[in-house]
Every structure is written in structure tokens, then in C-alpha cells.
Amino acid sequence: MELVLSAVLFGLIGLWIDSKVGTTPIFAVVFTLLGFAGAALSVYYRYRHDIAQLERQRDQVRAEAVAVQQINASQHVSRLHEIDVSQPRTETSA
């Protein structure tokens, strides 16, 4: 929608300039192309910004997941150290 709207708007501005200057369709074509190019660049840079933001969020989530895994692993090791290994286990054989 943005691509079409800006191209049409700039094209109409070009037509108005053409009518005032007495040229046909030089300004209309040039302004239409400029409107389309500007809108395309806007979409492109917005896309790049959104992708960069999503990558930052992904990296943050991954870092948090690694931190949680490390905490869980250290808690598991702590529990293993709590087990009294000095007392032998008694197993019954059948």
C-alpha cells in the first residue's frame, strides 16, 4: 500500500508541476519513480531494523536459556555433593 500510495502521490505532484511548467510527462514520470524508490527504501530499511531487533531478542533469549541451564546444572551438582558417599550402600541380592 505504501509503495503505491507514495508513487501515486508523487506522480500527481509531478503532473501538477508539469501543468505549471508546460512540460508533459517529464516531472510526472520522474516524481513517480522517486516516490516509488523512496517508499521501497523505507520498506527495506524498516525490514532491516525489524530483523536486527528480532536478532537481538533471539540472542537475549538464548543467553537467558544458557544461564538457566547453567543454574540447573550447578544445582544438580550441589545435590550430588549432598549425598553422603562415605557410607556404603547396602544392596540385597536375590
N, C-alpha and C. Protein backbone atom coordinates (compact mmCIF):
# COMPACT_ATOMS: atom_id res chain seq x y z
N MET A 1 0.83 -1.19 0.00
CA MET A 1 0.00 0.00 0.00
C MET A 1 0.87 1.25 0.00
N GLU A 2 1.92 1.22 0.84
CA GLU A 2 2.80 2.37 0.95
C GLU A 2 3.51 2.65 -0.37
N LEU A 3 3.91 1.57 -1.06
CA LEU A 3 4.61 1.73 -2.34
C LEU A 3 3.71 2.41 -3.37
N VAL A 4 2.48 1.98 -3.44
CA VAL A 4 1.54 2.53 -4.43
C VAL A 4 1.14 3.95 -4.07
N LEU A 5 0.82 4.17 -2.81
CA LEU A 5 0.35 5.48 -2.38
C LEU A 5 1.40 6.56 -2.61
N SER A 6 2.64 6.28 -2.24
CA SER A 6 3.67 7.30 -2.43
C SER A 6 3.95 7.54 -3.91
N ALA A 7 3.95 6.49 -4.73
CA ALA A 7 4.17 6.66 -6.16
C ALA A 7 3.05 7.48 -6.79
N VAL A 8 1.81 7.21 -6.41
CA VAL A 8 0.67 7.97 -6.96
C VAL A 8 0.72 9.42 -6.49
N LEU A 9 0.98 9.62 -5.21
CA LEU A 9 1.05 10.97 -4.68
C LEU A 9 2.15 11.78 -5.37
N PHE A 10 3.33 11.20 -5.47
CA PHE A 10 4.42 11.92 -6.14
C PHE A 10 4.13 12.11 -7.63
N GLY A 11 3.47 11.13 -8.24
CA GLY A 11 3.07 11.27 -9.65
C GLY A 11 2.11 12.43 -9.85
N LEU A 12 1.17 12.59 -8.92
CA LEU A 12 0.23 13.71 -9.01
C LEU A 12 0.94 15.05 -8.81
N ILE A 13 1.90 15.07 -7.92
CA ILE A 13 2.69 16.29 -7.74
C ILE A 13 3.46 16.59 -9.02
N GLY A 14 4.01 15.55 -9.64
CA GLY A 14 4.71 15.73 -10.91
C GLY A 14 3.80 16.24 -12.00
N LEU A 15 2.57 15.72 -12.06
CA LEU A 15 1.60 16.22 -13.05
C LEU A 15 1.27 17.69 -12.81
N TRP A 16 1.14 18.06 -11.56
CA TRP A 16 0.84 19.46 -11.24
C TRP A 16 2.00 20.36 -11.69
N ILE A 17 3.23 19.91 -11.40
CA ILE A 17 4.40 20.69 -11.84
C ILE A 17 4.45 20.75 -13.36
N ASP A 18 4.16 19.64 -14.03
CA ASP A 18 4.13 19.62 -15.50
C ASP A 18 3.12 20.63 -16.03
N SER A 19 1.95 20.72 -15.39
CA SER A 19 0.93 21.66 -15.87
C SER A 19 1.36 23.11 -15.65
N LYS A 20 2.10 23.38 -14.58
CA LYS A 20 2.56 24.75 -14.31
C LYS A 20 3.72 25.14 -15.22
N VAL A 21 4.62 24.18 -15.49
CA VAL A 21 5.81 24.48 -16.28
C VAL A 21 5.53 24.34 -17.77
N GLY A 22 4.58 23.53 -18.12
CA GLY A 22 4.23 23.32 -19.52
C GLY A 22 4.95 22.14 -20.14
N THR A 23 5.47 21.27 -19.34
CA THR A 23 6.10 20.06 -19.86
C THR A 23 5.17 18.88 -19.61
N THR A 24 5.31 17.89 -20.46
CA THR A 24 4.47 16.71 -20.26
C THR A 24 5.31 15.49 -20.56
N PRO A 25 5.25 14.49 -19.97
CA PRO A 25 5.07 13.99 -18.61
C PRO A 25 6.40 13.85 -17.87
N ILE A 26 7.34 14.73 -18.12
CA ILE A 26 8.68 14.59 -17.54
C ILE A 26 8.63 14.55 -16.02
N PHE A 27 8.06 15.56 -15.40
CA PHE A 27 8.04 15.61 -13.94
C PHE A 27 7.15 14.52 -13.35
N ALA A 28 6.08 14.18 -14.04
CA ALA A 28 5.19 13.12 -13.55
C ALA A 28 5.93 11.79 -13.47
N VAL A 29 6.67 11.46 -14.52
CA VAL A 29 7.41 10.20 -14.54
C VAL A 29 8.53 10.21 -13.49
N VAL A 30 9.28 11.31 -13.46
CA VAL A 30 10.40 11.40 -12.52
C VAL A 30 9.90 11.33 -11.08
N PHE A 31 8.86 12.07 -10.77
CA PHE A 31 8.35 12.08 -9.40
C PHE A 31 7.72 10.74 -9.03
N THR A 32 7.07 10.09 -9.98
CA THR A 32 6.50 8.77 -9.71
C THR A 32 7.61 7.79 -9.36
N LEU A 33 8.68 7.81 -10.14
CA LEU A 33 9.82 6.92 -9.86
C LEU A 33 10.47 7.25 -8.52
N LEU A 34 10.61 8.55 -8.23
CA LEU A 34 11.18 8.95 -6.95
C LEU A 34 10.29 8.51 -5.78
N GLY A 35 8.99 8.65 -5.93
CA GLY A 35 8.06 8.22 -4.89
C GLY A 35 8.15 6.73 -4.64
N PHE A 36 8.21 5.97 -5.73
CA PHE A 36 8.32 4.51 -5.59
C PHE A 36 9.66 4.14 -4.96
N ALA A 37 10.74 4.74 -5.42
CA ALA A 37 12.07 4.43 -4.87
C ALA A 37 12.16 4.79 -3.39
N GLY A 38 11.62 5.94 -3.03
CA GLY A 38 11.64 6.34 -1.62
C GLY A 38 10.86 5.39 -0.74
N ALA A 39 9.70 4.97 -1.22
CA ALA A 39 8.88 4.03 -0.44
C ALA A 39 9.57 2.66 -0.35
N ALA A 40 10.20 2.24 -1.45
CA ALA A 40 10.91 0.95 -1.43
C ALA A 40 12.06 1.00 -0.45
N LEU A 41 12.80 2.09 -0.41
CA LEU A 41 13.90 2.23 0.55
C LEU A 41 13.37 2.24 1.99
N SER A 42 12.26 2.91 2.18
CA SER A 42 11.65 2.94 3.51
C SER A 42 11.28 1.54 3.98
N VAL A 43 10.67 0.77 3.10
CA VAL A 43 10.29 -0.61 3.44
C VAL A 43 11.54 -1.44 3.72
N TYR A 44 12.56 -1.28 2.89
CA TYR A 44 13.80 -2.04 3.05
C TYR A 44 14.46 -1.74 4.39
N TYR A 45 14.61 -0.46 4.73
CA TYR A 45 15.27 -0.11 5.99
C TYR A 45 14.42 -0.49 7.21
N ARG A 46 13.12 -0.41 7.09
CA ARG A 46 12.25 -0.85 8.18
C ARG A 46 12.40 -2.36 8.39
N TYR A 47 12.48 -3.10 7.28
CA TYR A 47 12.69 -4.55 7.35
C TYR A 47 14.01 -4.86 8.04
N ARG A 48 15.08 -4.19 7.65
CA ARG A 48 16.39 -4.42 8.26
C ARG A 48 16.37 -4.10 9.76
N HIS A 49 15.69 -3.02 10.12
CA HIS A 49 15.58 -2.65 11.53
C HIS A 49 14.82 -3.73 12.31
N ASP A 50 13.71 -4.20 11.75
CA ASP A 50 12.92 -5.23 12.43
C ASP A 50 13.70 -6.53 12.58
N ILE A 51 14.45 -6.92 11.54
CA ILE A 51 15.24 -8.14 11.60
C ILE A 51 16.34 -8.00 12.65
N ALA A 52 17.00 -6.85 12.70
CA ALA A 52 18.05 -6.63 13.70
C ALA A 52 17.47 -6.69 15.12
N GLN A 53 16.28 -6.13 15.29
CA GLN A 53 15.63 -6.17 16.60
C GLN A 53 15.28 -7.61 16.98
N LEU A 54 14.77 -8.38 16.04
CA LEU A 54 14.44 -9.77 16.31
C LEU A 54 15.69 -10.58 16.63
N GLU A 55 16.80 -10.29 15.96
CA GLU A 55 18.04 -11.00 16.24
C GLU A 55 18.55 -10.67 17.65
N ARG A 56 18.42 -9.41 18.05
CA ARG A 56 18.82 -9.03 19.41
C ARG A 56 17.96 -9.76 20.44
N GLN A 57 16.66 -9.84 20.19
CA GLN A 57 15.76 -10.55 21.10
C GLN A 57 16.11 -12.03 21.15
N ARG A 58 16.41 -12.62 19.99
CA ARG A 58 16.79 -14.04 19.93
C ARG A 58 18.06 -14.28 20.74
N ASP A 59 19.05 -13.41 20.56
CA ASP A 59 20.31 -13.57 21.30
C ASP A 59 20.09 -13.44 22.80
N GLN A 60 19.20 -12.53 23.19
CA GLN A 60 18.90 -12.35 24.62
C GLN A 60 18.22 -13.60 25.18
N VAL A 61 17.28 -14.16 24.44
CA VAL A 61 16.58 -15.36 24.90
C VAL A 61 17.56 -16.53 25.00
N ARG A 62 18.47 -16.64 24.01
CA ARG A 62 19.46 -17.71 24.07
C ARG A 62 20.37 -17.55 25.28
N ALA A 63 20.80 -16.31 25.55
CA ALA A 63 21.66 -16.07 26.70
C ALA A 63 20.94 -16.42 28.00
N GLU A 64 19.67 -16.08 28.09
CA GLU A 64 18.89 -16.43 29.28
C GLU A 64 18.74 -17.94 29.41
N ALA A 65 18.56 -18.63 28.29
CA ALA A 65 18.42 -20.09 28.33
C ALA A 65 19.71 -20.74 28.80
N VAL A 66 20.84 -20.23 28.32
CA VAL A 66 22.14 -20.77 28.75
C VAL A 66 22.33 -20.53 30.24
N ALA A 67 21.95 -19.36 30.72
CA ALA A 67 22.08 -19.05 32.14
C ALA A 67 21.22 -19.99 32.98
N VAL A 68 20.01 -20.25 32.52
CA VAL A 68 19.12 -21.16 33.25
C VAL A 68 19.70 -22.57 33.26
N GLN A 69 20.26 -23.01 32.12
CA GLN A 69 20.87 -24.34 32.06
C GLN A 69 22.06 -24.44 33.01
N GLN A 70 22.85 -23.38 33.09
CA GLN A 70 23.99 -23.39 33.99
C GLN A 70 23.54 -23.44 35.45
N ILE A 71 22.50 -22.69 35.77
CA ILE A 71 21.97 -22.71 37.13
C ILE A 71 21.43 -24.10 37.47
N ASN A 72 20.69 -24.69 36.55
CA ASN A 72 20.15 -26.03 36.78
C ASN A 72 21.26 -27.05 36.94
N ALA A 73 22.31 -26.94 36.13
CA ALA A 73 23.43 -27.87 36.23
C ALA A 73 24.15 -27.71 37.56
N SER A 74 24.36 -26.48 38.00
CA SER A 74 25.05 -26.27 39.27
C SER A 74 24.20 -26.75 40.44
N GLN A 75 22.89 -26.61 40.35
CA GLN A 75 22.02 -27.11 41.41
C GLN A 75 22.06 -28.64 41.44
N HIS A 76 22.13 -29.25 40.27
CA HIS A 76 22.19 -30.71 40.20
C HIS A 76 23.49 -31.21 40.81
N VAL A 77 24.59 -30.54 40.52
CA VAL A 77 25.88 -30.91 41.08
C VAL A 77 25.85 -30.72 42.60
N SER A 78 25.24 -29.63 43.07
CA SER A 78 25.14 -29.39 44.50
C SER A 78 24.37 -30.51 45.18
N ARG A 79 23.32 -30.98 44.57
CA ARG A 79 22.54 -32.07 45.15
C ARG A 79 23.36 -33.36 45.19
N LEU A 80 24.17 -33.57 44.17
CA LEU A 80 25.01 -34.76 44.17
C LEU A 80 26.03 -34.71 45.29
N HIS A 81 26.55 -33.53 45.59
CA HIS A 81 27.52 -33.39 46.67
C HIS A 81 26.86 -33.58 48.04
N GLU A 82 25.59 -33.35 48.12
CA GLU A 82 24.89 -33.51 49.39
C GLU A 82 24.72 -34.97 49.76
N ILE A 83 24.79 -35.85 48.78
CA ILE A 83 24.63 -37.28 49.06
C ILE A 83 25.85 -37.75 49.84
N ASP A 84 25.60 -38.47 50.90
CA ASP A 84 26.70 -38.95 51.73
C ASP A 84 27.32 -40.18 51.07
N VAL A 85 28.48 -39.98 50.48
CA VAL A 85 29.14 -41.10 49.80
C VAL A 85 30.06 -41.88 50.72
N SER A 86 30.25 -41.41 51.95
CA SER A 86 31.14 -42.11 52.87
C SER A 86 30.49 -43.39 53.41
N GLN A 87 29.19 -43.44 53.42
CA GLN A 87 28.50 -44.64 53.93
C GLN A 87 28.23 -45.57 52.75
N PRO A 88 28.69 -46.78 52.82
CA PRO A 88 28.45 -47.71 51.72
C PRO A 88 26.97 -48.07 51.64
N ARG A 89 26.55 -48.32 50.46
CA ARG A 89 25.16 -48.75 50.26
C ARG A 89 25.06 -50.23 50.52
N THR A 90 23.94 -50.57 51.05
CA THR A 90 23.69 -51.99 51.27
C THR A 90 22.69 -52.45 50.24
N GLU A 91 23.13 -53.41 49.48
CA GLU A 91 22.23 -53.95 48.44
C GLU A 91 21.94 -55.39 48.79
N THR A 92 20.73 -55.76 48.57
CA THR A 92 20.35 -57.15 48.84
C THR A 92 20.32 -57.88 47.52
N SER A 93 20.92 -59.03 47.49
CA SER A 93 20.91 -59.85 46.28
C SER A 93 19.86 -60.93 46.43
N ALA A 94 19.18 -61.19 45.39
CA ALA A 94 18.14 -62.20 45.45
C ALA A 94 18.59 -63.47 44.79
